[in-house]
All heavy atoms as atom14 arrays in JSON, in Angstrom:
{
  "sequence": "AWFRESRKQAREFVSVITWTGSNTYYGDSVK",
  "atom14_mask": [
    [1, 1, 1, 1, 1, 0, 0, 0, 0, 0, 0, 0, 0, 0],
    [1, 1, 1, 1, 1, 1, 1, 1, 1, 1, 1, 1, 1, 1],
    [1, 1, 1, 1, 1, 1, 1, 1, 1, 1, 1, 0, 0, 0],
    [1, 1, 1, 1, 1, 1, 1, 1, 1, 1, 1, 0, 0, 0],
    [1, 1, 1, 1, 1, 1, 1, 1, 1, 0, 0, 0, 0, 0],
    [1, 1, 1, 1, 1, 1, 0, 0, 0, 0, 0, 0, 0, 0],
    [1, 1, 1, 1, 1, 1, 1, 1, 1, 1, 1, 0, 0, 0],
    [1, 1, 1, 1, 1, 1, 1, 1, 1, 0, 0, 0, 0, 0],
    [1, 1, 1, 1, 1, 1, 1, 1, 1, 0, 0, 0, 0, 0],
    [1, 1, 1, 1, 1, 0, 0, 0, 0, 0, 0, 0, 0, 0],
    [1, 1, 1, 1, 1, 1, 1, 1, 1, 1, 1, 0, 0, 0],
    [1, 1, 1, 1, 1, 1, 1, 1, 1, 0, 0, 0, 0, 0],
    [1, 1, 1, 1, 1, 1, 1, 1, 1, 1, 1, 0, 0, 0],
    [1, 1, 1, 1, 1, 1, 1, 0, 0, 0, 0, 0, 0, 0],
    [1, 1, 1, 1, 1, 1, 0, 0, 0, 0, 0, 0, 0, 0],
    [1, 1, 1, 1, 1, 1, 1, 0, 0, 0, 0, 0, 0, 0],
    [1, 1, 1, 1, 1, 1, 1, 1, 0, 0, 0, 0, 0, 0],
    [1, 1, 1, 1, 1, 1, 1, 0, 0, 0, 0, 0, 0, 0],
    [1, 1, 1, 1, 1, 1, 1, 1, 1, 1, 1, 1, 1, 1],
    [1, 1, 1, 1, 1, 1, 1, 0, 0, 0, 0, 0, 0, 0],
    [1, 1, 1, 1, 0, 0, 0, 0, 0, 0, 0, 0, 0, 0],
    [1, 1, 1, 1, 1, 1, 0, 0, 0, 0, 0, 0, 0, 0],
    [1, 1, 1, 1, 1, 1, 1, 1, 0, 0, 0, 0, 0, 0],
    [1, 1, 1, 1, 1, 1, 1, 0, 0, 0, 0, 0, 0, 0],
    [1, 1, 1, 1, 1, 1, 1, 1, 1, 1, 1, 1, 0, 0],
    [1, 1, 1, 1, 1, 1, 1, 1, 1, 1, 1, 1, 0, 0],
    [1, 1, 1, 1, 0, 0, 0, 0, 0, 0, 0, 0, 0, 0],
    [1, 1, 1, 1, 1, 1, 1, 1, 0, 0, 0, 0, 0, 0],
    [1, 1, 1, 1, 1, 1, 0, 0, 0, 0, 0, 0, 0, 0],
    [1, 1, 1, 1, 1, 1, 1, 0, 0, 0, 0, 0, 0, 0],
    [1, 1, 1, 1, 1, 1, 1, 1, 1, 0, 0, 0, 0, 0]
  ],
  "atom14_positions": [
    [[56.07, 137.9, 68.26], [55.02, 137.47, 69.17], [55.04, 138.3, 70.44], [56.02, 138.97, 70.77], [55.18, 135.99, 69.51], [0.0, 0.0, 0.0], [0.0, 0.0, 0.0], [0.0, 0.0, 0.0], [0.0, 0.0, 0.0], [0.0, 0.0, 0.0], [0.0, 0.0, 0.0], [0.0, 0.0, 0.0], [0.0, 0.0, 0.0], [0.0, 0.0, 0.0]],
    [[53.93, 138.22, 71.16], [53.81, 138.78, 72.49], [53.5, 137.67, 73.48], [52.63, 136.83, 73.21], [52.71, 139.84, 72.56], [53.01, 141.1, 71.81], [52.66, 141.4, 70.53], [53.71, 142.24, 72.32], [53.11, 142.66, 70.21], [53.76, 143.2, 71.29], [54.3, 142.54, 73.55], [54.38, 144.44, 71.45], [54.91, 143.77, 73.71], [54.95, 144.7, 72.66]],
    [[54.2, 137.68, 74.6], [53.93, 136.82, 75.74], [53.72, 137.68, 76.97], [54.06, 138.87, 76.98], [55.08, 135.85, 75.99], [55.23, 134.79, 74.94], [55.84, 135.06, 73.73], [54.75, 133.5, 75.16], [55.98, 134.08, 72.76], [54.89, 132.51, 74.21], [55.5, 132.8, 73.0], [0.0, 0.0, 0.0], [0.0, 0.0, 0.0], [0.0, 0.0, 0.0]],
    [[53.17, 137.09, 78.0], [53.01, 137.82, 79.25], [53.18, 136.86, 80.43], [52.99, 135.66, 80.31], [51.64, 138.5, 79.33], [50.46, 137.56, 79.43], [49.15, 138.32, 79.35], [48.0, 137.45, 79.53], [46.74, 137.83, 79.41], [46.45, 139.09, 79.11], [45.75, 136.96, 79.59], [0.0, 0.0, 0.0], [0.0, 0.0, 0.0], [0.0, 0.0, 0.0]],
    [[53.55, 137.41, 81.56], [53.66, 136.62, 82.76], [53.47, 137.51, 83.98], [53.73, 138.72, 83.94], [54.99, 135.89, 82.84], [56.21, 136.78, 82.95], [57.49, 135.97, 83.01], [57.79, 135.26, 82.02], [58.19, 136.04, 84.04], [0.0, 0.0, 0.0], [0.0, 0.0, 0.0], [0.0, 0.0, 0.0], [0.0, 0.0, 0.0], [0.0, 0.0, 0.0]],
    [[53.01, 136.9, 85.05], [52.81, 137.59, 86.31], [53.17, 136.63, 87.44], [53.52, 135.47, 87.2], [51.37, 138.07, 86.45], [50.47, 136.99, 86.57], [0.0, 0.0, 0.0], [0.0, 0.0, 0.0], [0.0, 0.0, 0.0], [0.0, 0.0, 0.0], [0.0, 0.0, 0.0], [0.0, 0.0, 0.0], [0.0, 0.0, 0.0], [0.0, 0.0, 0.0]],
    [[53.08, 137.13, 88.67], [53.38, 136.28, 89.81], [52.39, 135.14, 89.95], [52.71, 134.11, 90.55], [53.4, 137.12, 91.08], [54.54, 138.12, 91.13], [54.52, 138.92, 92.41], [55.61, 139.88, 92.46], [55.83, 140.73, 93.45], [55.01, 140.73, 94.49], [56.84, 141.56, 93.4], [0.0, 0.0, 0.0], [0.0, 0.0, 0.0], [0.0, 0.0, 0.0]],
    [[51.21, 135.29, 89.42], [50.17, 134.27, 89.52], [50.0, 133.44, 88.26], [49.28, 132.45, 88.26], [48.83, 134.92, 89.88], [48.84, 135.65, 91.21], [47.44, 136.1, 91.6], [46.9, 137.14, 90.65], [45.57, 137.65, 91.1], [0.0, 0.0, 0.0], [0.0, 0.0, 0.0], [0.0, 0.0, 0.0], [0.0, 0.0, 0.0], [0.0, 0.0, 0.0]],
    [[50.66, 133.85, 87.18], [50.5, 133.16, 85.91], [51.87, 132.99, 85.25], [52.59, 133.96, 85.05], [49.57, 133.94, 84.99], [49.41, 133.36, 83.6], [48.69, 132.03, 83.6], [47.61, 131.9, 84.15], [49.31, 131.03, 82.98], [0.0, 0.0, 0.0], [0.0, 0.0, 0.0], [0.0, 0.0, 0.0], [0.0, 0.0, 0.0], [0.0, 0.0, 0.0]],
    [[52.2, 131.77, 84.9], [53.44, 131.5, 84.18], [53.38, 132.11, 82.79], [52.32, 132.48, 82.3], [53.69, 130.0, 84.11], [0.0, 0.0, 0.0], [0.0, 0.0, 0.0], [0.0, 0.0, 0.0], [0.0, 0.0, 0.0], [0.0, 0.0, 0.0], [0.0, 0.0, 0.0], [0.0, 0.0, 0.0], [0.0, 0.0, 0.0], [0.0, 0.0, 0.0]],
    [[54.54, 132.18, 82.16], [54.6, 132.8, 80.85], [53.56, 132.22, 79.91], [53.47, 131.01, 79.71], [56.0, 132.66, 80.27], [56.19, 133.45, 78.97], [57.65, 133.65, 78.65], [58.33, 134.44, 79.67], [59.57, 134.88, 79.58], [60.29, 134.61, 78.49], [60.11, 135.58, 80.56], [0.0, 0.0, 0.0], [0.0, 0.0, 0.0], [0.0, 0.0, 0.0]],
    [[52.78, 133.11, 79.31], [51.61, 132.73, 78.55], [51.66, 133.37, 77.17], [51.98, 134.55, 77.02], [50.34, 133.19, 79.29], [49.04, 132.96, 78.54], [47.87, 133.63, 79.22], [48.08, 134.62, 79.95], [46.73, 133.15, 79.05], [0.0, 0.0, 0.0], [0.0, 0.0, 0.0], [0.0, 0.0, 0.0], [0.0, 0.0, 0.0], [0.0, 0.0, 0.0]],
    [[51.33, 132.59, 76.17], [51.25, 133.09, 74.81], [50.07, 134.04, 74.67], [48.96, 133.73, 75.09], [51.1, 131.93, 73.83], [50.76, 132.35, 72.44], [51.72, 132.95, 71.62], [49.5, 132.15, 71.92], [51.41, 133.33, 70.33], [49.18, 132.53, 70.64], [50.14, 133.13, 69.84], [0.0, 0.0, 0.0], [0.0, 0.0, 0.0], [0.0, 0.0, 0.0]],
    [[50.33, 135.2, 74.07], [49.29, 136.2, 73.85], [48.9, 136.27, 72.38], [47.72, 136.12, 72.02], [49.73, 137.59, 74.35], [48.67, 138.63, 74.02], [50.01, 137.55, 75.84], [0.0, 0.0, 0.0], [0.0, 0.0, 0.0], [0.0, 0.0, 0.0], [0.0, 0.0, 0.0], [0.0, 0.0, 0.0], [0.0, 0.0, 0.0], [0.0, 0.0, 0.0]],
    [[49.89, 136.51, 71.52], [49.6, 136.67, 70.1], [50.88, 136.55, 69.29], [51.98, 136.74, 69.8], [48.95, 138.04, 69.84], [48.55, 138.17, 68.49], [0.0, 0.0, 0.0], [0.0, 0.0, 0.0], [0.0, 0.0, 0.0], [0.0, 0.0, 0.0], [0.0, 0.0, 0.0], [0.0, 0.0, 0.0], [0.0, 0.0, 0.0], [0.0, 0.0, 0.0]],
    [[50.73, 136.25, 68.0], [51.86, 136.14, 67.09], [51.44, 136.63, 65.72], [50.28, 136.47, 65.32], [52.39, 134.69, 67.02], [51.33, 133.74, 66.46], [53.67, 134.62, 66.2], [0.0, 0.0, 0.0], [0.0, 0.0, 0.0], [0.0, 0.0, 0.0], [0.0, 0.0, 0.0], [0.0, 0.0, 0.0], [0.0, 0.0, 0.0], [0.0, 0.0, 0.0]],
    [[52.38, 137.21, 65.01], [52.21, 137.52, 63.6], [53.4, 136.92, 62.86], [54.54, 137.23, 63.15], [52.04, 139.04, 63.35], [51.8, 139.31, 61.86], [53.23, 139.83, 63.87], [51.28, 140.72, 61.59], [0.0, 0.0, 0.0], [0.0, 0.0, 0.0], [0.0, 0.0, 0.0], [0.0, 0.0, 0.0], [0.0, 0.0, 0.0], [0.0, 0.0, 0.0]],
    [[53.12, 136.04, 61.91], [54.18, 135.33, 61.22], [54.78, 136.18, 60.12], [54.13, 137.06, 59.55], [53.66, 134.02, 60.62], [52.71, 134.3, 59.59], [53.0, 133.15, 61.69], [0.0, 0.0, 0.0], [0.0, 0.0, 0.0], [0.0, 0.0, 0.0], [0.0, 0.0, 0.0], [0.0, 0.0, 0.0], [0.0, 0.0, 0.0], [0.0, 0.0, 0.0]],
    [[56.05, 135.91, 59.81], [56.66, 136.58, 58.67], [56.06, 136.07, 57.37], [55.72, 136.86, 56.49], [58.17, 136.37, 58.66], [58.79, 136.87, 57.39], [59.3, 136.14, 56.38], [58.91, 138.25, 57.01], [59.75, 136.96, 55.37], [59.53, 138.26, 55.73], [58.59, 139.46, 57.61], [59.82, 139.44, 55.06], [58.86, 140.64, 56.94], [59.47, 140.61, 55.67]],
    [[55.94, 134.77, 57.24], [55.38, 134.17, 56.04], [53.86, 134.31, 56.06], [53.18, 133.66, 56.87], [55.77, 132.69, 55.94], [57.2, 132.58, 55.95], [55.24, 132.09, 54.65], [0.0, 0.0, 0.0], [0.0, 0.0, 0.0], [0.0, 0.0, 0.0], [0.0, 0.0, 0.0], [0.0, 0.0, 0.0], [0.0, 0.0, 0.0], [0.0, 0.0, 0.0]],
    [[53.35, 135.16, 55.2], [51.91, 135.35, 55.09], [51.3, 136.32, 56.07], [50.11, 136.64, 55.96], [0.0, 0.0, 0.0], [0.0, 0.0, 0.0], [0.0, 0.0, 0.0], [0.0, 0.0, 0.0], [0.0, 0.0, 0.0], [0.0, 0.0, 0.0], [0.0, 0.0, 0.0], [0.0, 0.0, 0.0], [0.0, 0.0, 0.0], [0.0, 0.0, 0.0]],
    [[52.08, 136.78, 57.04], [51.58, 137.7, 58.07], [50.31, 137.16, 58.73], [49.36, 137.9, 59.0], [51.33, 139.09, 57.48], [52.54, 139.69, 57.08], [0.0, 0.0, 0.0], [0.0, 0.0, 0.0], [0.0, 0.0, 0.0], [0.0, 0.0, 0.0], [0.0, 0.0, 0.0], [0.0, 0.0, 0.0], [0.0, 0.0, 0.0], [0.0, 0.0, 0.0]],
    [[50.29, 135.87, 58.99], [49.15, 135.27, 59.68], [49.19, 135.63, 61.15], [50.26, 135.74, 61.75], [49.18, 133.75, 59.51], [49.06, 133.34, 58.06], [48.22, 133.83, 57.32], [49.92, 132.42, 57.64], [0.0, 0.0, 0.0], [0.0, 0.0, 0.0], [0.0, 0.0, 0.0], [0.0, 0.0, 0.0], [0.0, 0.0, 0.0], [0.0, 0.0, 0.0]],
    [[48.02, 135.8, 61.73], [47.91, 136.16, 63.14], [47.15, 135.09, 63.91], [46.18, 134.51, 63.42], [47.22, 137.52, 63.31], [45.91, 137.46, 62.73], [48.02, 138.61, 62.62], [0.0, 0.0, 0.0], [0.0, 0.0, 0.0], [0.0, 0.0, 0.0], [0.0, 0.0, 0.0], [0.0, 0.0, 0.0], [0.0, 0.0, 0.0], [0.0, 0.0, 0.0]],
    [[47.59, 134.87, 65.15], [46.96, 133.91, 66.03], [46.95, 134.5, 67.44], [47.82, 135.3, 67.8], [47.68, 132.57, 66.02], [47.74, 131.95, 64.66], [48.85, 132.14, 63.84], [46.69, 131.17, 64.18], [48.9, 131.59, 62.57], [46.74, 130.61, 62.91], [47.85, 130.82, 62.12], [47.89, 130.26, 60.86], [0.0, 0.0, 0.0], [0.0, 0.0, 0.0]],
    [[45.98, 134.06, 68.24], [45.79, 134.63, 69.56], [45.54, 133.54, 70.58], [44.93, 132.51, 70.29], [44.61, 135.6, 69.57], [44.8, 136.77, 68.64], [44.37, 136.7, 67.32], [45.42, 137.93, 69.07], [44.56, 137.77, 66.45], [45.6, 139.0, 68.21], [45.18, 138.91, 66.91], [45.37, 139.97, 66.05], [0.0, 0.0, 0.0], [0.0, 0.0, 0.0]],
    [[46.0, 133.8, 71.79], [45.64, 132.93, 72.89], [44.16, 133.04, 73.21], [43.53, 134.08, 72.97], [0.0, 0.0, 0.0], [0.0, 0.0, 0.0], [0.0, 0.0, 0.0], [0.0, 0.0, 0.0], [0.0, 0.0, 0.0], [0.0, 0.0, 0.0], [0.0, 0.0, 0.0], [0.0, 0.0, 0.0], [0.0, 0.0, 0.0], [0.0, 0.0, 0.0]],
    [[43.6, 131.97, 73.74], [42.17, 131.94, 74.0], [41.72, 133.06, 74.93], [40.6, 133.57, 74.8], [41.77, 130.59, 74.58], [41.87, 129.47, 73.57], [41.85, 129.75, 72.36], [41.95, 128.3, 74.0], [0.0, 0.0, 0.0], [0.0, 0.0, 0.0], [0.0, 0.0, 0.0], [0.0, 0.0, 0.0], [0.0, 0.0, 0.0], [0.0, 0.0, 0.0]],
    [[42.56, 133.44, 75.87], [42.16, 134.42, 76.86], [42.05, 135.83, 76.3], [41.44, 136.69, 76.94], [43.13, 134.4, 78.04], [44.43, 134.76, 77.63], [0.0, 0.0, 0.0], [0.0, 0.0, 0.0], [0.0, 0.0, 0.0], [0.0, 0.0, 0.0], [0.0, 0.0, 0.0], [0.0, 0.0, 0.0], [0.0, 0.0, 0.0], [0.0, 0.0, 0.0]],
    [[42.64, 136.1, 75.14], [42.63, 137.44, 74.58], [41.93, 137.51, 73.23], [41.75, 138.62, 72.7], [44.05, 138.01, 74.45], [44.78, 137.94, 75.79], [44.85, 137.27, 73.38], [0.0, 0.0, 0.0], [0.0, 0.0, 0.0], [0.0, 0.0, 0.0], [0.0, 0.0, 0.0], [0.0, 0.0, 0.0], [0.0, 0.0, 0.0], [0.0, 0.0, 0.0]],
    [[41.54, 136.4, 72.68], [40.92, 136.37, 71.37], [39.66, 137.23, 71.36], [38.82, 137.14, 72.25], [40.58, 134.94, 70.97], [40.1, 134.77, 69.54], [39.89, 133.3, 69.19], [41.2, 132.52, 69.3], [41.01, 131.1, 68.9], [0.0, 0.0, 0.0], [0.0, 0.0, 0.0], [0.0, 0.0, 0.0], [0.0, 0.0, 0.0], [0.0, 0.0, 0.0]]
  ]
}
């Protein structure tokens, strides 16, 4: 997975790719 954080934003989920099935999901802000 990828996460991101800044001084103005707490750690936020960006995207993930699963091992099982290689499914991908995205945070709403980057979809």
